[in-house]
Amino acid sequence: MAKTVVKFGGSSLSDANQFRKVAEIIKDDGKRRYVIPSAPGKRWGADVKVTDMLYNCYDAISAGADAQKEFKPIAERFDGIIADLGLSLSLRDEYETITADFANGAGADYAASRGEYLCGIVLAAFLKFPFIDAAKAVRFRAGGEFDPDLTNASLAALLENNRYAVIPGFYGSLPCGKIKTFSRGGSDFTGSIVAKAVKASLYENWTDVPGFLAADPRIVENPEIIRVITYRELRELSYMGATVLHEDAIFPVRNARIPINIRDTNEPCAPGTMIVPSAGEKDGGAVITGIAGKKNFSVISLEKDEMNNEIGFLRRILTLFEAEGVNFEHLPTGIDTLSIVLNTSELDKTPKLIERINEVARPNHIEVERGLAMIAVVGRAMKEKRGTATRIFAALSHARINIRMIDQGSSELNIIIGVKEEDFEEAVRVIYNMFMLGV
């Protein structure tokens, strides 16, 4: 029988009514057998996520505050959901264990994980599914790195005898048994590794958006929903700031060639976005799939005569960056020029970087330009269409936006454009209008 792993975000489990929606979604398709819940999120704009409540609670208890008093709002949040759902379930023993562990300094990772843990117990009771503590199967190495092989084997063995299960997201355990969490959004990753372990045919990620959008809705009004996107395109857009899915969640299912379906809990009939290993050209013949970008970049520009004939020139630069612990983003080059694009924070943390570059490279000229934004124009159809870059440049020129940098990978999957930060939003709109609206 085909198996679908379903992950529900915090907004999908914020209150009892959302729990009911989740239950209906799961019952609507018998293939939805393994459920990964996040901790309850905000119920309204000014509300506080349970994870943030737990962080604050732990900090207060660590500073000497009364444990029972500090934990009371969290207990009331879960007890309210339980009562509204009409469950004969008590979490009193769990609350006592958690507050005692807080008082004994169990750590911030443990504190944060208890939102998923408690939510998983409640959801399992409501669905009448077995509850499996992620700490029993999601493994980290002693140094804190995730252990994919041990986790895959542990999950596969544990779930082999469970036709259905609720496994809380976001955390696992170290060899010593201590709780270790992934970064924020780590429930996405838990869903991905469970999908791989059970050899799922589909991984559904349910959230509060209708799918992956072709552009940031804060910049472009009512951007199109991307119906089909490849893993490579998603990786490019996510790296440049487009966020619906935790970035690391792509890799386990990508390697297993399991598609991901981004769905909206509040519009369960909508198809959402399908993320697939490969796809043909976008429906309707659109050249690009999406646009994303970020601010706060700088460019270090070097000029040196006959640089291309100087063996080891680039190696010395990269060795210097490695020694200084500096990450860079792009390296556009010419015959006698080299541009190093990096996040401005990387430049600021190494005040003597330019001096060191001068020492190892001895360029004829070096300068730094700050205040840049990078825009990625991504699309699997670009390599089949002539004149894509020309259309981008013409549109920006017509809008009187100066392009500060251009970088295109050999795969022709994306074109990276650098503009001044003050031109960023308008540049995104101009490119979107050119390719998506034809204006």
Protein backbone atom coordinates (compact mmCIF):
# COMPACT_ATOMS: atom_id res chain seq x y z
CA MET A 1 0.00 0.00 0.00
CA ALA A 2 1.27 3.48 -0.88
CA LYS A 3 2.27 5.57 2.12
CA THR A 4 2.05 9.33 2.54
CA VAL A 5 3.86 11.22 5.29
CA VAL A 6 2.08 14.41 6.37
CA LYS A 7 3.65 17.26 8.31
CA PHE A 8 1.53 20.02 9.85
CA GLY A 9 2.98 23.38 10.80
CA GLY A 10 2.28 25.36 13.95
CA SER A 11 -0.50 27.43 12.38
CA SER A 12 -2.24 24.19 11.39
CA LEU A 13 -2.33 23.10 15.04
CA SER A 14 -2.83 26.41 16.83
CA ASP A 15 -6.15 25.50 18.47
CA ALA A 16 -8.78 22.77 18.69
CA ASN A 17 -10.55 23.87 15.53
CA GLN A 18 -7.30 23.50 13.59
CA PHE A 19 -6.84 20.03 15.11
CA ARG A 20 -10.23 19.09 13.69
CA LYS A 21 -9.20 20.31 10.24
CA VAL A 22 -6.04 18.23 10.48
CA ALA A 23 -8.01 15.13 11.47
CA GLU A 24 -10.38 15.55 8.52
CA ILE A 25 -7.44 15.88 6.13
CA ILE A 26 -5.86 12.69 7.45
CA LYS A 27 -9.11 10.72 7.41
CA ASP A 28 -9.84 11.89 3.86
CA ASP A 29 -7.00 9.78 2.45
CA GLY A 30 -6.09 6.37 3.86
CA LYS A 31 -2.56 6.68 2.52
CA ARG A 32 -1.83 9.44 5.07
CA ARG A 33 -0.36 7.18 7.71
CA TYR A 34 2.52 8.98 9.40
CA VAL A 35 1.93 12.41 10.92
CA ILE A 36 4.59 14.94 11.94
CA PRO A 37 3.25 17.80 14.10
CA SER A 38 4.90 21.09 14.99
CA ALA A 39 4.19 22.88 18.26
CA PRO A 40 1.00 24.99 18.30
CA GLY A 41 1.56 28.36 16.63
CA LYS A 42 -0.14 31.71 16.90
CA ARG A 43 -3.96 31.81 17.08
CA TRP A 44 -4.02 35.49 16.14
CA GLY A 45 -1.52 38.18 15.20
CA ALA A 46 -0.44 39.22 18.70
CA ASP A 47 -0.49 35.69 20.11
CA VAL A 48 2.68 33.86 21.19
CA LYS A 49 3.85 30.56 19.72
CA VAL A 50 4.15 27.71 22.20
CA THR A 51 7.84 27.28 21.33
CA ASP A 52 8.51 30.89 22.31
CA MET A 53 6.49 30.41 25.49
CA LEU A 54 8.70 27.44 26.36
CA TYR A 55 11.92 29.33 25.74
CA ASN A 56 10.70 32.18 27.98
CA CYS A 57 9.50 29.75 30.62
CA TYR A 58 12.80 27.91 30.74
CA ASP A 59 14.77 31.17 31.00
CA ALA A 60 12.56 32.34 33.86
CA ILE A 61 12.85 29.06 35.78
CA SER A 62 16.62 29.01 35.22
CA ALA A 63 16.74 32.50 36.77
CA GLY A 64 14.97 31.21 39.89
CA ALA A 65 11.28 31.85 39.14
CA ASP A 66 8.57 29.51 40.42
CA ALA A 67 8.37 26.59 37.96
CA GLN A 68 4.68 25.80 38.37
CA LYS A 69 3.65 29.43 38.00
CA GLU A 70 5.78 29.99 34.90
CA PHE A 71 4.60 26.80 33.20
CA LYS A 72 0.91 27.41 33.95
CA PRO A 73 0.09 29.38 30.72
CA ILE A 74 1.59 26.57 28.64
CA ALA A 75 -0.37 23.93 30.49
CA GLU A 76 -3.54 25.99 30.05
CA ARG A 77 -2.91 26.20 26.31
CA PHE A 78 -2.75 22.42 25.92
CA ASP A 79 -5.49 21.71 28.45
CA GLY A 80 -7.77 24.08 26.56
CA ILE A 81 -7.22 22.16 23.32
CA ILE A 82 -7.82 18.83 25.09
CA ALA A 83 -11.05 20.05 26.68
CA ASP A 84 -12.35 21.57 23.43
CA LEU A 85 -11.68 18.28 21.61
CA GLY A 86 -13.53 16.34 24.29
CA LEU A 87 -10.60 14.03 25.03
CA SER A 88 -10.25 12.03 28.23
CA LEU A 89 -6.55 12.80 28.39
CA SER A 90 -4.45 14.26 31.19
CA LEU A 91 -0.96 15.65 30.69
CA ARG A 92 -0.41 16.34 34.40
CA ASP A 93 2.40 13.79 34.75
CA GLU A 94 4.09 15.21 31.66
CA TYR A 95 3.84 18.75 33.04
CA GLU A 96 5.42 17.67 36.32
CA THR A 97 8.27 15.92 34.53
CA ILE A 98 8.92 18.92 32.28
CA THR A 99 8.91 21.50 35.08
CA ALA A 100 11.24 19.31 37.16
CA ASP A 101 13.58 18.95 34.18
CA PHE A 102 13.48 22.71 33.63
CA ALA A 103 14.41 23.31 37.26
CA ASN A 104 17.29 20.83 36.91
CA GLY A 105 18.72 22.64 33.88
CA ALA A 106 17.71 20.25 31.09
CA GLY A 107 18.72 22.82 28.48
CA ALA A 108 17.10 25.12 25.93
CA ASP A 109 16.85 22.38 23.29
CA TYR A 110 14.87 20.20 25.66
CA ALA A 111 12.64 23.13 26.58
CA ALA A 112 11.89 24.02 22.97
CA SER A 113 11.16 20.41 21.99
CA ARG A 114 8.40 19.98 24.54
CA GLY A 115 5.91 21.88 22.36
CA GLU A 116 6.14 19.26 19.60
CA TYR A 117 6.25 16.48 22.18
CA LEU A 118 3.04 17.53 23.97
CA CYS A 119 1.28 18.41 20.72
CA GLY A 120 2.15 14.97 19.37
CA ILE A 121 0.61 13.25 22.40
CA VAL A 122 -2.62 15.25 22.03
CA LEU A 123 -2.87 14.72 18.28
CA ALA A 124 -2.17 10.99 18.60
CA ALA A 125 -4.96 10.68 21.16
CA PHE A 126 -7.37 12.60 18.92
CA LEU A 127 -6.51 10.51 15.84
CA LYS A 128 -6.28 7.28 17.86
CA PHE A 129 -2.81 6.71 16.37
CA PRO A 130 0.23 5.36 18.26
CA PHE A 131 2.54 8.09 19.57
CA ILE A 132 6.27 7.60 18.95
CA ASP A 133 8.70 9.92 20.69
CA ALA A 134 11.17 11.26 18.11
CA ALA A 135 13.95 10.93 20.71
CA LYS A 136 13.76 7.15 20.25
CA ALA A 137 14.71 7.23 16.59
CA VAL A 138 16.01 10.61 15.38
CA ARG A 139 19.72 10.47 16.18
CA PHE A 140 22.48 13.05 16.52
CA ARG A 141 26.18 12.34 16.90
CA ALA A 142 28.04 13.29 20.08
CA GLY A 143 29.25 16.51 18.44
CA GLY A 144 25.68 17.58 17.66
CA GLU A 145 25.61 16.69 13.95
CA PHE A 146 22.57 14.87 12.63
CA ASP A 147 23.25 11.17 11.94
CA PRO A 148 21.24 10.32 8.80
CA ASP A 149 22.21 6.66 8.50
CA LEU A 150 21.49 5.69 12.09
CA THR A 151 18.25 7.72 12.03
CA ASN A 152 17.06 6.07 8.82
CA ALA A 153 17.73 2.59 10.21
CA SER A 154 16.12 3.40 13.58
CA LEU A 155 13.00 4.96 12.06
CA ALA A 156 12.57 2.18 9.52
CA ALA A 157 12.77 -0.49 12.24
CA LEU A 158 10.49 1.39 14.62
CA LEU A 159 7.80 2.18 12.05
CA GLU A 160 7.85 -1.22 10.36
CA ASN A 161 5.51 -2.52 13.07
CA ASN A 162 3.34 0.62 13.19
CA ARG A 163 0.89 1.00 10.34
CA TYR A 164 0.02 4.51 11.58
CA ALA A 165 1.91 6.83 13.91
CA VAL A 166 2.36 10.39 15.15
CA ILE A 167 6.04 11.37 15.41
CA PRO A 168 6.71 14.90 16.72
CA GLY A 169 9.02 17.03 14.63
CA PHE A 170 11.93 19.33 15.42
CA TYR A 171 14.01 17.16 17.77
CA GLY A 172 15.90 13.94 18.37
CA SER A 173 18.51 12.75 20.85
CA LEU A 174 22.26 12.63 21.36
CA PRO A 175 24.03 9.32 22.19
CA CYS A 176 23.85 10.25 25.88
CA GLY A 177 20.07 10.55 25.63
CA LYS A 178 19.96 14.34 25.87
CA ILE A 179 17.46 16.10 23.61
CA LYS A 180 18.86 17.91 20.56
CA THR A 181 16.78 20.08 18.23
CA PHE A 182 17.13 21.04 14.61
CA SER A 183 17.08 24.72 13.69
CA ARG A 184 13.75 26.59 13.49
CA GLY A 185 11.52 24.90 10.93
CA GLY A 186 13.09 21.54 11.76
CA SER A 187 9.72 19.76 11.75
CA ASP A 188 9.92 19.99 7.96
CA PHE A 189 13.17 18.05 8.16
CA THR A 190 11.69 15.43 10.49
CA GLY A 191 8.88 14.85 7.99
CA SER A 192 11.42 14.45 5.22
CA ILE A 193 13.52 11.86 7.05
CA VAL A 194 10.42 9.90 8.06
CA ALA A 195 9.26 9.90 4.43
CA LYS A 196 12.61 8.49 3.37
CA ALA A 197 12.66 5.87 6.16
CA VAL A 198 9.22 4.44 5.30
CA LYS A 199 9.81 4.75 1.52
CA ALA A 200 6.79 7.01 1.17
CA SER A 201 5.30 7.71 -2.22
CA LEU A 202 4.58 11.33 -1.21
CA TYR A 203 5.52 13.82 1.49
CA GLU A 204 2.78 16.39 2.15
CA ASN A 205 3.75 19.55 4.00
CA TRP A 206 0.63 21.33 5.28
CA THR A 207 0.90 24.97 6.24
CA ASP A 208 -1.07 28.23 6.06
CA VAL A 209 -0.18 29.29 2.52
CA PRO A 210 -1.68 28.05 -0.79
CA GLY A 211 1.69 26.95 -2.16
CA PHE A 212 5.06 28.25 -3.25
CA LEU A 213 4.67 31.74 -4.70
CA ALA A 214 6.49 32.99 -7.77
CA ALA A 215 7.57 36.14 -5.90
CA ASP A 216 7.45 37.68 -2.44
CA PRO A 217 3.84 38.88 -1.85
CA ARG A 218 5.21 41.77 0.21
CA ILE A 219 6.77 43.08 -3.01
CA VAL A 220 4.52 41.76 -5.80
CA GLU A 221 0.77 41.97 -5.35
CA ASN A 222 -0.98 38.59 -5.68
CA PRO A 223 1.91 36.66 -7.25
CA GLU A 224 1.15 33.43 -9.07
CA ILE A 225 1.28 30.09 -7.25
CA ILE A 226 3.91 27.79 -8.69
CA ARG A 227 2.07 24.53 -9.38
CA VAL A 228 5.12 22.41 -10.26
CA ILE A 229 8.71 23.16 -9.31
CA THR A 230 11.83 20.98 -9.40
CA TYR A 231 14.07 20.39 -6.41
CA ARG A 232 16.88 22.32 -8.11
CA GLU A 233 14.66 25.34 -8.75
CA LEU A 234 13.38 25.24 -5.18
CA ARG A 235 16.92 25.09 -3.87
CA GLU A 236 17.89 28.19 -5.84
CA LEU A 237 14.84 30.17 -4.73
CA SER A 238 15.07 29.05 -1.09
CA TYR A 239 18.73 30.01 -0.91
CA MET A 240 17.84 33.51 -2.05
CA GLY A 241 15.19 33.98 0.59
CA ALA A 242 11.97 32.34 -0.65
CA THR A 243 10.73 30.44 2.40
CA VAL A 244 7.87 27.98 2.65
CA LEU A 245 9.83 24.84 3.39
CA HIS A 246 12.84 24.43 5.67
CA GLU A 247 15.81 24.40 3.28
CA ASP A 248 17.43 21.21 4.65
CA ALA A 249 14.16 19.30 4.32
CA ILE A 250 14.72 18.99 0.59
CA PHE A 251 17.70 16.65 0.68
CA PRO A 252 16.45 13.36 2.22
CA VAL A 253 13.41 13.16 -0.05
CA ARG A 254 15.29 14.53 -3.04
CA ASN A 255 17.85 11.74 -2.76
CA ALA A 256 15.02 9.21 -2.46
CA ARG A 257 13.15 10.87 -5.37
CA ILE A 258 10.04 11.37 -3.23
CA PRO A 259 7.89 14.34 -4.34
CA ILE A 260 6.77 16.98 -1.85
CA ASN A 261 3.34 18.59 -1.96
CA ILE A 262 2.97 21.97 -0.22
CA ARG A 263 -0.68 22.28 0.85
CA ASP A 264 -2.90 24.74 2.74
CA THR A 265 -4.64 23.33 5.83
CA ASN A 266 -7.35 25.95 5.51
CA GLU A 267 -7.97 25.16 1.82
CA PRO A 268 -7.51 21.37 1.71
CA CYS A 269 -9.04 21.01 -1.77
CA ALA A 270 -6.48 23.32 -3.37
CA PRO A 271 -3.66 21.44 -5.17
CA GLY A 272 -0.85 23.55 -3.74
CA THR A 273 2.67 23.19 -5.13
CA MET A 274 4.23 19.91 -6.20
CA ILE A 275 8.01 19.70 -5.79
CA VAL A 276 9.42 16.99 -8.05
CA PRO A 277 12.81 15.58 -9.11
CA SER A 278 12.33 16.70 -12.72
CA ALA A 279 9.68 18.31 -14.92
CA GLY A 280 9.06 19.61 -18.40
CA GLU A 281 8.59 23.24 -19.29
CA LYS A 282 6.21 25.24 -17.15
CA ASP A 283 2.55 25.15 -18.16
CA GLY A 284 1.61 28.03 -20.44
CA GLY A 285 5.14 28.36 -21.75
CA ALA A 286 6.34 30.80 -19.07
CA VAL A 287 10.11 31.12 -19.19
CA ILE A 288 10.77 31.59 -15.48
CA THR A 289 9.48 29.69 -12.48
CA GLY A 290 10.07 32.28 -9.78
CA ILE A 291 12.03 35.26 -8.49
CA ALA A 292 13.64 35.70 -5.09
CA GLY A 293 16.26 37.95 -3.58
CA LYS A 294 17.96 39.34 -0.52
CA LYS A 295 19.63 42.55 0.58
CA ASN A 296 22.78 43.20 2.62
CA PHE A 297 25.49 42.17 0.17
CA SER A 298 28.87 43.68 -0.69
CA VAL A 299 31.23 43.19 -3.63
CA ILE A 300 35.01 43.19 -3.43
CA SER A 301 36.33 44.03 -6.92
CA LEU A 302 39.94 43.29 -7.87
CA GLU A 303 41.84 44.29 -11.00
CA LYS A 304 45.24 42.87 -11.90
CA ASP A 305 47.05 42.86 -15.23
CA GLU A 306 47.33 39.39 -16.79
CA MET A 307 45.57 37.83 -13.83
CA ASN A 308 44.47 34.95 -16.06
CA ASN A 309 48.11 33.97 -16.62
CA GLU A 310 49.03 33.98 -12.94
CA ILE A 311 48.86 30.39 -11.78
CA GLY A 312 47.44 30.05 -8.27
CA PHE A 313 45.91 33.54 -8.10
CA LEU A 314 42.39 32.36 -7.31
CA ARG A 315 43.68 29.61 -5.03
CA ARG A 316 45.44 32.17 -2.85
CA ILE A 317 42.28 34.22 -2.53
CA LEU A 318 40.15 31.19 -1.62
CA THR A 319 42.77 29.92 0.84
CA LEU A 320 42.72 33.31 2.54
CA PHE A 321 38.92 33.23 2.82
CA GLU A 322 39.08 29.73 4.31
CA ALA A 323 41.73 30.76 6.82
CA GLU A 324 39.69 33.80 7.88
CA GLY A 325 36.46 31.77 8.11
CA VAL A 326 34.72 33.98 5.55
CA ASN A 327 31.93 32.66 3.31
CA PHE A 328 31.31 34.13 -0.13
CA GLU A 329 28.34 33.85 -2.45
CA HIS A 330 29.53 34.41 -6.04
CA LEU A 331 32.80 34.83 -7.95
CA PRO A 332 32.17 36.53 -11.31
CA THR A 333 35.45 36.85 -13.23
CA GLY A 334 36.98 38.51 -16.29
CA ILE A 335 40.42 38.24 -17.87
CA ASP A 336 41.95 40.81 -15.53
CA THR A 337 39.14 41.20 -12.98
CA LEU A 338 37.62 39.25 -10.12
CA SER A 339 34.51 40.13 -8.10
CA ILE A 340 33.81 38.47 -4.77
CA VAL A 341 30.20 38.78 -3.64
CA LEU A 342 29.61 38.17 0.05
CA ASN A 343 27.16 39.01 2.76
CA THR A 344 28.07 42.33 4.34
CA SER A 345 28.09 40.70 7.78
CA GLU A 346 30.94 38.46 6.60
CA LEU A 347 32.89 41.53 5.56
CA ASP A 348 32.22 43.31 8.83
CA LYS A 349 33.35 40.41 11.00
CA THR A 350 36.83 40.47 9.37
CA PRO A 351 37.96 44.12 9.39
CA LYS A 352 41.43 43.33 8.00
CA LEU A 353 40.14 41.24 5.09
CA ILE A 354 40.93 43.82 2.40
CA GLU A 355 44.41 44.33 3.81
CA ARG A 356 45.01 40.58 3.74
CA ILE A 357 43.75 40.31 0.14
CA ASN A 358 46.22 43.02 -0.86
CA GLU A 359 49.03 41.06 0.80
CA VAL A 360 48.34 37.72 -0.92
CA ALA A 361 47.05 38.92 -4.32
CA ARG A 362 48.82 42.28 -4.86
CA PRO A 363 46.14 43.61 -7.23
CA ASN A 364 46.56 46.80 -9.24
CA HIS A 365 43.29 48.05 -7.82
CA ILE A 366 40.81 46.89 -5.19
CA GLU A 367 37.55 48.44 -4.03
CA VAL A 368 34.52 47.50 -1.97
CA GLU A 369 30.94 48.36 -2.82
CA ARG A 370 28.34 47.92 -0.09
CA GLY A 371 24.56 48.18 -0.06
CA LEU A 372 23.75 45.69 -2.79
CA ALA A 373 20.84 43.30 -3.22
CA MET A 374 20.96 40.01 -5.14
CA ILE A 375 18.02 38.80 -7.22
CA ALA A 376 17.75 35.24 -8.54
CA VAL A 377 15.63 34.71 -11.64
CA VAL A 378 15.05 30.95 -11.75
CA GLY A 379 13.47 28.73 -14.37
CA ARG A 380 14.07 25.34 -15.93
CA ALA A 381 12.80 26.66 -19.28
CA MET A 382 15.38 29.45 -19.54
CA LYS A 383 18.00 27.36 -21.30
CA GLU A 384 15.52 26.53 -24.07
CA LYS A 385 14.49 30.15 -24.65
CA ARG A 386 16.69 32.64 -26.43
CA GLY A 387 17.03 36.18 -25.18
CA THR A 388 16.01 35.64 -21.54
CA ALA A 389 18.92 37.67 -20.16
CA THR A 390 18.36 40.35 -22.80
CA ARG A 391 14.73 40.72 -21.72
CA ILE A 392 15.75 41.07 -18.09
CA PHE A 393 18.37 43.70 -18.83
CA ALA A 394 16.06 45.62 -21.16
CA ALA A 395 13.26 45.68 -18.58
CA LEU A 396 15.57 46.96 -15.85
CA SER A 397 17.13 49.52 -18.19
CA HIS A 398 13.68 50.81 -19.15
CA ALA A 399 12.91 51.20 -15.42
CA ARG A 400 16.22 53.12 -15.04
CA ILE A 401 17.65 50.48 -12.70
CA ASN A 402 21.40 50.04 -12.96
CA ILE A 403 22.71 46.46 -12.87
CA ARG A 404 25.80 46.21 -10.66
CA MET A 405 26.58 42.53 -11.22
CA ILE A 406 25.52 39.59 -13.40
CA ASP A 407 26.24 35.92 -12.76
CA GLN A 408 24.82 32.92 -14.64
CA GLY A 409 25.62 29.31 -13.84
CA SER A 410 26.56 26.81 -16.53
CA SER A 411 23.28 24.94 -15.98
CA GLU A 412 21.36 28.03 -17.17
CA LEU A 413 18.85 27.36 -14.43
CA ASN A 414 19.19 30.83 -12.95
CA ILE A 415 20.53 34.32 -13.53
CA ILE A 416 21.78 36.31 -10.53
CA ILE A 417 21.54 40.09 -10.78
CA GLY A 418 23.03 42.59 -8.36
CA VAL A 419 21.35 45.97 -7.89
CA LYS A 420 21.51 48.72 -5.30
CA GLU A 421 19.40 48.00 -2.25
CA GLU A 422 17.14 50.98 -2.92
CA ASP A 423 16.26 49.48 -6.33
CA PHE A 424 15.58 45.97 -5.02
CA GLU A 425 11.79 45.93 -4.70
CA GLU A 426 11.20 47.77 -7.98
CA ALA A 427 13.61 45.46 -9.79
CA VAL A 428 11.71 42.38 -8.57
CA ARG A 429 8.41 43.90 -9.71
CA VAL A 430 9.82 44.85 -13.12
CA ILE A 431 11.16 41.35 -13.78
CA TYR A 432 7.96 39.71 -12.54
CA ASN A 433 5.81 41.91 -14.74
CA MET A 434 7.98 41.22 -17.78
CA PHE A 435 7.84 37.43 -17.53
CA MET A 436 4.63 36.65 -15.63
CA LEU A 437 2.35 39.40 -16.89
CA GLY A 438 4.02 40.22 -20.18
CA VAL A 439 4.16 43.96 -19.44
